[in-house]
Protein backbone atom coordinates (compact mmCIF):
# COMPACT_ATOMS: atom_id res chain seq x y z
CA MET A 1 128.96 148.60 68.81
CA SER A 2 131.93 146.70 70.24
CA THR A 3 132.40 145.71 73.87
CA THR A 4 135.04 148.38 74.32
CA ASP A 5 132.57 150.99 73.07
CA ARG A 6 130.15 150.07 75.88
CA THR A 7 132.73 149.86 78.66
CA PRO A 8 133.00 153.61 79.35
CA THR A 9 129.22 153.89 79.59
CA SER A 10 129.07 150.88 81.88
CA ALA A 11 131.89 152.23 84.02
CA ALA A 12 130.21 155.62 84.20
CA ALA A 13 126.74 154.28 85.06
CA PRO A 14 127.33 153.93 88.82
CA TRP A 15 128.66 157.47 89.01
CA LEU A 16 125.74 158.80 87.01
CA ALA A 17 123.45 156.96 89.41
CA LEU A 18 125.19 158.67 92.33
CA LEU A 19 124.45 162.00 90.66
CA GLY A 20 120.82 160.89 90.42
CA PHE A 21 120.68 160.11 94.14
CA LEU A 22 122.36 163.43 94.96
CA ALA A 23 119.87 165.20 92.69
CA ALA A 24 116.90 163.49 94.36
CA VAL A 25 118.14 164.59 97.77
CA ALA A 26 118.83 168.10 96.47
CA VAL A 27 115.27 168.32 95.12
CA ALA A 28 113.86 167.25 98.50
CA ALA A 29 116.07 169.76 100.29
CA GLY A 30 115.16 172.47 97.80
CA LEU A 31 111.43 171.87 98.07
CA GLY A 32 111.66 172.05 101.83
CA GLY A 33 113.85 175.12 101.55
CA LEU A 34 111.32 176.96 99.41
CA ALA A 35 108.96 176.99 102.37
CA ALA A 36 111.69 178.09 104.72
CA SER A 37 113.01 181.27 103.15
CA SER A 38 112.61 183.07 106.47
CA ALA A 39 113.31 180.03 108.66
CA GLY A 40 116.21 181.65 110.50
CA SER A 41 114.23 184.66 111.65
CA THR A 42 111.16 182.54 112.38
CA TYR A 43 113.27 180.11 114.42
CA ASP A 44 114.97 182.93 116.34
CA ALA A 45 111.58 184.49 117.18
CA LEU A 46 110.24 181.28 118.77
CA ASP A 47 110.39 180.50 122.46
CA GLN A 48 113.03 177.77 122.50
CA PRO A 49 114.22 175.16 124.96
CA SER A 50 117.67 175.46 126.50
CA PHE A 51 119.03 172.72 124.21
CA ALA A 52 118.06 174.54 120.99
CA PRO A 53 121.08 175.16 118.76
CA PRO A 54 121.58 178.51 117.04
CA ALA A 55 119.93 178.80 113.62
CA TRP A 56 123.25 178.81 111.75
CA VAL A 57 123.93 175.18 112.82
CA PHE A 58 121.14 173.72 110.71
CA GLY A 59 122.56 174.52 107.26
CA PRO A 60 125.93 172.81 107.72
CA VAL A 61 124.41 169.83 109.54
CA TRP A 62 121.75 169.24 106.90
CA SER A 63 124.28 169.65 104.09
CA VAL A 64 126.38 166.80 105.47
CA LEU A 65 123.33 164.66 106.26
CA TYR A 66 121.87 165.07 102.77
CA VAL A 67 125.14 163.88 101.21
CA LEU A 68 125.18 160.85 103.55
CA ILE A 69 121.54 160.06 102.71
CA ALA A 70 122.30 160.15 98.97
CA ILE A 71 125.41 157.98 99.30
CA ALA A 72 123.54 155.47 101.45
CA GLY A 73 120.76 155.12 98.87
CA TRP A 74 123.29 154.81 96.08
CA LEU A 75 125.25 152.09 97.91
CA VAL A 76 122.11 150.01 98.35
CA TRP A 77 121.13 150.56 94.71
CA GLN A 78 124.56 149.32 93.63
CA ARG A 79 124.15 146.15 95.68
CA VAL A 80 120.51 145.20 95.01
CA GLY A 81 119.02 147.63 92.54
CA TRP A 82 115.70 149.23 93.35
CA ASP A 83 113.76 147.22 95.94
CA ARG A 84 111.54 147.91 98.94
CA SER A 85 114.47 149.31 100.92
CA LEU A 86 114.91 152.08 98.36
CA THR A 87 111.17 152.63 98.30
CA ALA A 88 111.43 153.21 102.08
CA TRP A 89 114.38 155.53 101.37
CA ALA A 90 112.24 157.51 98.91
CA VAL A 91 109.31 157.68 101.36
CA GLN A 92 111.50 159.08 104.14
CA LEU A 93 112.90 161.61 101.68
CA VAL A 94 109.39 162.83 100.81
CA LEU A 95 108.54 163.03 104.52
CA ASN A 96 111.75 164.97 105.08
CA ALA A 97 110.74 167.51 102.44
CA ALA A 98 107.23 167.82 103.92
CA TRP A 99 108.32 168.77 107.44
CA THR A 100 109.76 172.21 106.68
CA PRO A 101 106.63 173.61 105.01
CA LEU A 102 104.54 172.40 107.96
CA PHE A 103 106.82 173.84 110.61
CA PHE A 104 108.12 177.03 109.00
CA GLY A 105 105.68 177.68 106.17
CA ALA A 106 102.42 176.96 107.99
CA ASP A 107 103.56 177.44 111.62
CA ARG A 108 101.80 174.14 112.41
CA TYR A 109 104.16 172.94 115.16
CA GLY A 110 101.84 170.20 116.42
CA LEU A 111 101.18 168.81 112.96
CA ALA A 112 104.90 169.07 112.18
CA LEU A 113 105.56 167.06 115.35
CA VAL A 114 103.27 164.26 114.18
CA GLU A 115 104.91 164.35 110.76
CA ILE A 116 108.45 164.22 112.15
CA VAL A 117 107.58 161.23 114.33
CA VAL A 118 106.39 159.46 111.17
CA LEU A 119 109.63 160.57 109.48
CA LEU A 120 111.69 159.14 112.34
CA VAL A 121 109.88 155.80 112.02
CA ALA A 122 110.44 155.85 108.25
CA VAL A 123 114.16 156.52 108.75
CA ALA A 124 114.37 153.65 111.27
CA VAL A 125 112.61 151.31 108.82
CA THR A 126 114.98 152.40 106.06
CA ILE A 127 118.00 151.73 108.27
CA ALA A 128 116.67 148.28 109.22
CA LEU A 129 116.11 147.40 105.57
CA PHE A 130 119.50 148.80 104.55
CA TRP A 131 121.18 146.75 107.28
CA THR A 132 120.19 143.54 105.51
CA ARG A 133 121.42 144.81 102.15
CA ARG A 134 124.49 146.93 102.80
CA ARG A 135 125.53 147.70 106.37
CA THR A 136 127.69 150.64 105.37
CA ALA A 137 124.57 152.32 103.97
CA ALA A 138 122.68 151.69 107.20
CA LEU A 139 125.54 153.19 109.19
CA LEU A 140 125.62 156.24 106.92
CA MET A 141 121.94 156.80 107.77
CA ALA A 142 122.58 156.62 111.55
CA PRO A 143 123.66 160.28 111.99
CA TYR A 144 120.49 161.29 110.12
CA ALA A 145 118.36 159.20 112.46
CA ALA A 146 120.09 160.77 115.45
CA TRP A 147 119.53 164.27 114.08
CA VAL A 148 115.87 163.58 113.30
CA ALA A 149 115.43 162.22 116.84
CA PHE A 150 116.99 165.43 118.19
CA ALA A 151 114.82 167.51 115.86
CA THR A 152 111.76 165.60 117.10
CA ALA A 153 112.60 166.55 120.68
CA LEU A 154 113.23 170.14 119.61
CA ASN A 155 109.94 170.26 117.67
CA ALA A 156 108.07 168.89 120.71
CA ALA A 157 109.65 171.46 123.00
CA ILE A 158 108.92 174.34 120.62
CA TRP A 159 105.33 173.18 120.20
CA HIS A 160 104.98 173.08 123.98
CA LEU A 161 106.56 176.51 124.51
CA ASN A 162 104.72 178.27 121.71
């Protein structure tokens, strides 16, 4: 095989990797979503704090955040390959997927609160590790951290009210 025969594959590899990161995030979102088939009606039936957004807000927000999470992981992978920062990225993704079944599937608001605090710490660790590898990736994770912090406050308030 000549060098020119390998070039298209080499040029395509980063884009295929991006698809892999998008797929990993989609799997995490999908697994969480399986437990939340009636999340909208469950959410609407809960006693909620005054700062609770309407249920329809969550879909668009999470869609954007999941794309940012995937791009951030991909950017770090391009720079350093797989290292402990991407292991932290994978851990926070698993924790992200685990929250929805706890909150909506099992109605375990207190346990979900503990889990989301751990998720928030994992996101913060991921951002700190990304910062030393590719700052753009860390910045792409910042809206996610802000949303998870908001979701933590919302989870705490819902747990308290219900």
